[in-house]
Amino acid sequence: MTTTQEHDQRMASMTFAEVYPHYVTKVEKKGRTVEELHQVITWLTGFNEHDLQRLIDNHATFEQFFAEATLNPNAELITGTICGYRIEEIETSLTKQVRYLDKLVDELAKGRKMEKILRSA
């Protein structure tokens, strides 16, 4: 699926700090915890609590965020639709990575079991 250049640029320039509170609100409203959110983010990116706080404090863009991340090799197992886009068809690497994160947060908020979210064997 081809996204527009404007869409991809918007994704790249958004900061993790501006989106993170929305992730927290979304999962807590559905009875999940910040610790579970961090577990999901850590699985995808390799970041620990200190890394996440540093990225928030530095207002890292998603472009910077994913440039520093060590993407989980099983991230490609994240499929489905999020925000109207079929993840496995997104051609722009950064946009796909942001949508991976969105999808994991969405699954967490929907009550999916952690082992399923983390694509455990």
N, C-alpha and C. Protein backbone atom coordinates (compact mmCIF):
# COMPACT_ATOMS: atom_id res chain seq x y z
N MET A 1 0.85 -1.17 0.00
CA MET A 1 0.00 0.00 0.00
C MET A 1 0.90 1.23 0.00
N THR A 2 0.61 2.11 -0.87
CA THR A 2 1.39 3.33 -0.98
C THR A 2 0.76 4.41 -0.11
N THR A 3 1.57 4.98 0.75
CA THR A 3 1.13 6.13 1.53
C THR A 3 1.65 7.37 0.82
N THR A 4 1.06 8.50 1.10
CA THR A 4 1.53 9.72 0.45
C THR A 4 2.80 10.21 1.11
N GLN A 5 3.55 11.00 0.37
CA GLN A 5 4.78 11.56 0.91
C GLN A 5 4.47 12.45 2.11
N GLU A 6 3.36 13.18 2.04
CA GLU A 6 2.96 14.05 3.15
C GLU A 6 2.64 13.23 4.40
N HIS A 7 1.95 12.11 4.20
CA HIS A 7 1.62 11.23 5.32
C HIS A 7 2.90 10.69 5.96
N ASP A 8 3.82 10.21 5.14
CA ASP A 8 5.08 9.66 5.65
C ASP A 8 5.89 10.72 6.39
N GLN A 9 5.90 11.95 5.87
CA GLN A 9 6.65 13.03 6.52
C GLN A 9 6.01 13.40 7.85
N ARG A 10 4.69 13.39 7.89
CA ARG A 10 3.99 13.69 9.14
C ARG A 10 4.33 12.64 10.19
N MET A 11 4.36 11.37 9.79
CA MET A 11 4.71 10.29 10.71
C MET A 11 6.15 10.47 11.23
N ALA A 12 7.05 10.81 10.33
CA ALA A 12 8.47 10.96 10.70
C ALA A 12 8.69 12.12 11.66
N SER A 13 7.92 13.19 11.51
CA SER A 13 8.17 14.39 12.32
C SER A 13 7.39 14.43 13.63
N MET A 14 6.41 13.54 13.81
CA MET A 14 5.71 13.48 15.10
C MET A 14 6.70 13.04 16.17
N THR A 15 6.54 13.59 17.36
CA THR A 15 7.44 13.17 18.43
C THR A 15 6.81 12.06 19.27
N PHE A 16 7.67 11.20 19.76
CA PHE A 16 7.21 10.14 20.65
C PHE A 16 6.58 10.75 21.90
N ALA A 17 7.13 11.87 22.37
CA ALA A 17 6.62 12.54 23.58
C ALA A 17 5.18 13.00 23.41
N GLU A 18 4.78 13.40 22.20
CA GLU A 18 3.40 13.86 22.02
C GLU A 18 2.42 12.70 21.86
N VAL A 19 2.89 11.54 21.42
CA VAL A 19 2.02 10.39 21.21
C VAL A 19 1.95 9.49 22.45
N TYR A 20 3.04 9.41 23.19
CA TYR A 20 3.12 8.52 24.36
C TYR A 20 1.97 8.70 25.35
N PRO A 21 1.60 9.94 25.74
CA PRO A 21 0.47 10.08 26.68
C PRO A 21 -0.83 9.49 26.14
N HIS A 22 -1.02 9.53 24.84
CA HIS A 22 -2.22 8.94 24.23
C HIS A 22 -2.19 7.42 24.35
N TYR A 23 -1.00 6.83 24.19
CA TYR A 23 -0.84 5.39 24.38
C TYR A 23 -1.20 5.02 25.82
N VAL A 24 -0.67 5.79 26.78
CA VAL A 24 -0.93 5.52 28.20
C VAL A 24 -2.42 5.60 28.49
N THR A 25 -3.06 6.66 28.04
CA THR A 25 -4.49 6.84 28.28
C THR A 25 -5.29 5.70 27.67
N LYS A 26 -4.94 5.32 26.46
CA LYS A 26 -5.67 4.26 25.76
C LYS A 26 -5.61 2.94 26.51
N VAL A 27 -4.42 2.56 26.95
CA VAL A 27 -4.30 1.25 27.62
C VAL A 27 -4.87 1.29 29.04
N GLU A 28 -4.67 2.39 29.76
CA GLU A 28 -5.19 2.47 31.13
C GLU A 28 -6.71 2.52 31.14
N LYS A 29 -7.30 3.18 30.16
CA LYS A 29 -8.76 3.25 30.07
C LYS A 29 -9.37 1.86 29.90
N LYS A 30 -8.58 0.95 29.33
CA LYS A 30 -9.06 -0.42 29.11
C LYS A 30 -8.56 -1.40 30.17
N GLY A 31 -8.00 -0.86 31.27
CA GLY A 31 -7.60 -1.71 32.39
C GLY A 31 -6.21 -2.31 32.28
N ARG A 32 -5.42 -1.86 31.33
CA ARG A 32 -4.05 -2.35 31.22
C ARG A 32 -3.12 -1.35 31.92
N THR A 33 -1.86 -1.73 32.12
CA THR A 33 -0.94 -0.90 32.90
C THR A 33 0.16 -0.28 32.03
N VAL A 34 0.77 0.76 32.59
CA VAL A 34 1.92 1.38 31.93
C VAL A 34 3.06 0.37 31.82
N GLU A 35 3.19 -0.50 32.82
CA GLU A 35 4.23 -1.52 32.77
C GLU A 35 4.03 -2.45 31.57
N GLU A 36 2.78 -2.81 31.32
CA GLU A 36 2.48 -3.65 30.15
C GLU A 36 2.77 -2.89 28.85
N LEU A 37 2.43 -1.61 28.83
CA LEU A 37 2.74 -0.77 27.66
C LEU A 37 4.24 -0.75 27.41
N HIS A 38 5.02 -0.56 28.47
CA HIS A 38 6.47 -0.54 28.33
C HIS A 38 7.01 -1.89 27.87
N GLN A 39 6.39 -2.96 28.35
CA GLN A 39 6.81 -4.30 27.92
C GLN A 39 6.62 -4.45 26.40
N VAL A 40 5.51 -3.96 25.90
CA VAL A 40 5.23 -4.03 24.46
C VAL A 40 6.23 -3.17 23.67
N ILE A 41 6.46 -1.95 24.15
CA ILE A 41 7.40 -1.06 23.46
C ILE A 41 8.81 -1.64 23.48
N THR A 42 9.20 -2.20 24.62
CA THR A 42 10.52 -2.82 24.75
C THR A 42 10.66 -4.00 23.80
N TRP A 43 9.63 -4.82 23.70
CA TRP A 43 9.68 -5.97 22.79
C TRP A 43 9.93 -5.51 21.36
N LEU A 44 9.22 -4.47 20.94
CA LEU A 44 9.34 -4.00 19.56
C LEU A 44 10.67 -3.30 19.30
N THR A 45 11.12 -2.47 20.24
CA THR A 45 12.23 -1.55 19.98
C THR A 45 13.54 -1.88 20.67
N GLY A 46 13.48 -2.67 21.74
CA GLY A 46 14.69 -2.93 22.53
C GLY A 46 14.97 -1.85 23.56
N PHE A 47 14.15 -0.80 23.62
CA PHE A 47 14.38 0.28 24.58
C PHE A 47 13.99 -0.15 25.99
N ASN A 48 14.78 0.32 26.98
CA ASN A 48 14.41 0.09 28.38
C ASN A 48 13.74 1.36 28.92
N GLU A 49 13.36 1.34 30.18
CA GLU A 49 12.67 2.49 30.80
C GLU A 49 13.48 3.78 30.68
N HIS A 50 14.78 3.67 30.91
CA HIS A 50 15.66 4.85 30.83
C HIS A 50 15.67 5.40 29.40
N ASP A 51 15.77 4.52 28.43
CA ASP A 51 15.76 4.96 27.02
C ASP A 51 14.46 5.68 26.68
N LEU A 52 13.35 5.11 27.10
CA LEU A 52 12.06 5.73 26.80
C LEU A 52 11.95 7.11 27.41
N GLN A 53 12.38 7.25 28.66
CA GLN A 53 12.31 8.56 29.31
C GLN A 53 13.22 9.56 28.60
N ARG A 54 14.40 9.13 28.20
CA ARG A 54 15.33 10.01 27.47
C ARG A 54 14.71 10.48 26.16
N LEU A 55 14.10 9.56 25.43
CA LEU A 55 13.48 9.90 24.15
C LEU A 55 12.31 10.87 24.35
N ILE A 56 11.56 10.69 25.43
CA ILE A 56 10.47 11.61 25.75
C ILE A 56 11.04 12.98 26.11
N ASP A 57 12.02 12.99 27.00
CA ASP A 57 12.62 14.26 27.43
C ASP A 57 13.25 15.03 26.28
N ASN A 58 13.83 14.31 25.33
CA ASN A 58 14.50 14.96 24.18
C ASN A 58 13.55 15.24 23.02
N HIS A 59 12.28 14.94 23.21
CA HIS A 59 11.28 15.15 22.15
C HIS A 59 11.72 14.54 20.83
N ALA A 60 12.17 13.29 20.92
CA ALA A 60 12.64 12.57 19.73
C ALA A 60 11.48 12.36 18.76
N THR A 61 11.73 12.63 17.50
CA THR A 61 10.73 12.34 16.48
C THR A 61 10.66 10.84 16.29
N PHE A 62 9.60 10.38 15.63
CA PHE A 62 9.52 8.95 15.35
C PHE A 62 10.67 8.53 14.43
N GLU A 63 11.14 9.43 13.60
CA GLU A 63 12.30 9.10 12.76
C GLU A 63 13.52 8.83 13.62
N GLN A 64 13.77 9.68 14.63
CA GLN A 64 14.89 9.47 15.55
C GLN A 64 14.64 8.24 16.43
N PHE A 65 13.42 8.09 16.90
CA PHE A 65 13.03 6.99 17.77
C PHE A 65 13.36 5.65 17.12
N PHE A 66 12.90 5.46 15.89
CA PHE A 66 13.13 4.18 15.22
C PHE A 66 14.54 4.04 14.67
N ALA A 67 15.23 5.16 14.44
CA ALA A 67 16.64 5.08 14.02
C ALA A 67 17.48 4.49 15.15
N GLU A 68 17.11 4.77 16.39
CA GLU A 68 17.84 4.26 17.55
C GLU A 68 17.37 2.86 17.98
N ALA A 69 16.20 2.47 17.53
CA ALA A 69 15.62 1.20 17.97
C ALA A 69 16.31 0.01 17.32
N THR A 70 16.28 -1.10 18.04
CA THR A 70 16.68 -2.39 17.48
C THR A 70 15.38 -3.17 17.32
N LEU A 71 14.83 -3.12 16.12
CA LEU A 71 13.52 -3.71 15.88
C LEU A 71 13.56 -5.22 16.09
N ASN A 72 12.57 -5.72 16.81
CA ASN A 72 12.46 -7.16 17.07
C ASN A 72 12.35 -7.91 15.73
N PRO A 73 13.11 -8.99 15.57
CA PRO A 73 13.06 -9.74 14.32
C PRO A 73 11.66 -10.30 14.00
N ASN A 74 10.82 -10.47 15.03
CA ASN A 74 9.47 -10.96 14.81
C ASN A 74 8.46 -9.85 14.52
N ALA A 75 8.93 -8.62 14.39
CA ALA A 75 8.03 -7.50 14.11
C ALA A 75 7.26 -7.72 12.81
N GLU A 76 7.86 -8.42 11.88
CA GLU A 76 7.17 -8.67 10.61
C GLU A 76 5.94 -9.54 10.77
N LEU A 77 5.80 -10.19 11.93
CA LEU A 77 4.61 -10.99 12.21
C LEU A 77 3.40 -10.13 12.60
N ILE A 78 3.64 -8.83 12.79
CA ILE A 78 2.56 -7.90 13.12
C ILE A 78 1.83 -7.58 11.82
N THR A 79 0.60 -8.03 11.75
CA THR A 79 -0.19 -7.83 10.53
C THR A 79 -1.56 -7.30 10.91
N GLY A 80 -2.31 -6.94 9.91
CA GLY A 80 -3.67 -6.47 10.15
C GLY A 80 -3.81 -5.01 9.76
N THR A 81 -4.95 -4.47 10.11
CA THR A 81 -5.27 -3.10 9.74
C THR A 81 -5.20 -2.19 10.95
N ILE A 82 -4.62 -1.03 10.77
CA ILE A 82 -4.58 -0.01 11.80
C ILE A 82 -4.70 1.35 11.11
N CYS A 83 -5.59 2.17 11.60
CA CYS A 83 -5.81 3.51 11.03
C CYS A 83 -6.10 3.46 9.53
N GLY A 84 -6.78 2.42 9.10
CA GLY A 84 -7.16 2.31 7.70
C GLY A 84 -6.09 1.75 6.77
N TYR A 85 -4.95 1.37 7.32
CA TYR A 85 -3.86 0.83 6.51
C TYR A 85 -3.60 -0.63 6.87
N ARG A 86 -3.42 -1.48 5.89
CA ARG A 86 -3.02 -2.86 6.11
C ARG A 86 -1.50 -2.82 6.29
N ILE A 87 -1.03 -3.14 7.48
CA ILE A 87 0.37 -2.98 7.86
C ILE A 87 1.32 -3.68 6.89
N GLU A 88 1.02 -4.92 6.55
CA GLU A 88 1.94 -5.68 5.71
C GLU A 88 2.06 -5.13 4.29
N GLU A 89 1.18 -4.20 3.92
CA GLU A 89 1.24 -3.61 2.58
C GLU A 89 1.88 -2.22 2.56
N ILE A 90 2.20 -1.67 3.72
CA ILE A 90 2.82 -0.34 3.78
C ILE A 90 4.25 -0.46 3.24
N GLU A 91 4.59 0.39 2.30
CA GLU A 91 5.89 0.31 1.63
C GLU A 91 6.98 1.13 2.31
N THR A 92 6.63 2.21 2.98
CA THR A 92 7.61 3.07 3.63
C THR A 92 8.00 2.47 4.98
N SER A 93 9.27 2.18 5.14
CA SER A 93 9.77 1.49 6.33
C SER A 93 9.40 2.19 7.63
N LEU A 94 9.64 3.47 7.74
CA LEU A 94 9.36 4.19 8.98
C LEU A 94 7.86 4.19 9.29
N THR A 95 7.05 4.44 8.29
CA THR A 95 5.61 4.44 8.50
C THR A 95 5.15 3.06 8.97
N LYS A 96 5.71 2.02 8.39
CA LYS A 96 5.37 0.65 8.80
C LYS A 96 5.76 0.43 10.27
N GLN A 97 6.92 0.92 10.68
CA GLN A 97 7.38 0.74 12.06
C GLN A 97 6.46 1.47 13.04
N VAL A 98 6.06 2.68 12.69
CA VAL A 98 5.14 3.44 13.56
C VAL A 98 3.82 2.68 13.67
N ARG A 99 3.35 2.14 12.56
CA ARG A 99 2.09 1.39 12.58
C ARG A 99 2.22 0.08 13.34
N TYR A 100 3.42 -0.53 13.34
CA TYR A 100 3.65 -1.71 14.19
C TYR A 100 3.37 -1.33 15.64
N LEU A 101 3.95 -0.21 16.07
CA LEU A 101 3.77 0.24 17.45
C LEU A 101 2.31 0.53 17.74
N ASP A 102 1.66 1.24 16.82
CA ASP A 102 0.24 1.53 17.00
C ASP A 102 -0.59 0.26 17.15
N LYS A 103 -0.28 -0.72 16.33
CA LYS A 103 -1.03 -1.99 16.34
C LYS A 103 -0.83 -2.73 17.66
N LEU A 104 0.40 -2.76 18.16
CA LEU A 104 0.66 -3.43 19.44
C LEU A 104 -0.08 -2.75 20.58
N VAL A 105 -0.07 -1.42 20.59
CA VAL A 105 -0.78 -0.67 21.63
C VAL A 105 -2.28 -0.95 21.53
N ASP A 106 -2.79 -0.99 20.31
CA ASP A 106 -4.20 -1.28 20.09
C ASP A 106 -4.56 -2.68 20.60
N GLU A 107 -3.72 -3.66 20.31
CA GLU A 107 -3.97 -5.02 20.78
C GLU A 107 -3.95 -5.09 22.30
N LEU A 108 -3.01 -4.37 22.92
CA LEU A 108 -2.93 -4.33 24.38
C LEU A 108 -4.22 -3.74 24.95
N ALA A 109 -4.67 -2.64 24.39
CA ALA A 109 -5.88 -1.98 24.87
C ALA A 109 -7.12 -2.85 24.67
N LYS A 110 -7.11 -3.67 23.65
CA LYS A 110 -8.26 -4.54 23.38
C LYS A 110 -8.27 -5.80 24.24
N GLY A 111 -7.26 -5.94 25.10
CA GLY A 111 -7.25 -7.07 26.03
C GLY A 111 -6.62 -8.33 25.51
N ARG A 112 -5.92 -8.24 24.40
CA ARG A 112 -5.27 -9.44 23.86
C ARG A 112 -4.21 -9.93 24.85
N LYS A 113 -4.02 -11.23 24.92
CA LYS A 113 -3.03 -11.81 25.82
C LYS A 113 -1.62 -11.38 25.40
N MET A 114 -0.78 -11.13 26.41
CA MET A 114 0.57 -10.62 26.16
C MET A 114 1.37 -11.54 25.25
N GLU A 115 1.27 -12.85 25.44
CA GLU A 115 2.07 -13.76 24.60
C GLU A 115 1.64 -13.67 23.13
N LYS A 116 0.40 -13.34 22.87
CA LYS A 116 -0.06 -13.14 21.49
C LYS A 116 0.44 -11.81 20.94
N ILE A 117 0.38 -10.77 21.77
CA ILE A 117 0.86 -9.44 21.35
C ILE A 117 2.33 -9.51 20.99
N LEU A 118 3.10 -10.22 21.80
CA LEU A 118 4.54 -10.28 21.62
C LEU A 118 4.96 -11.36 20.64
N ARG A 119 4.00 -11.92 19.93
CA ARG A 119 4.25 -12.91 18.87
C ARG A 119 5.17 -14.02 19.37
N SER A 120 4.82 -14.55 20.56
CA SER A 120 5.59 -15.66 21.11
C SER A 120 5.19 -16.96 20.43
N ALA A 121 6.16 -17.84 20.33
CA ALA A 121 5.90 -19.14 19.68
C ALA A 121 5.06 -20.02 20.57
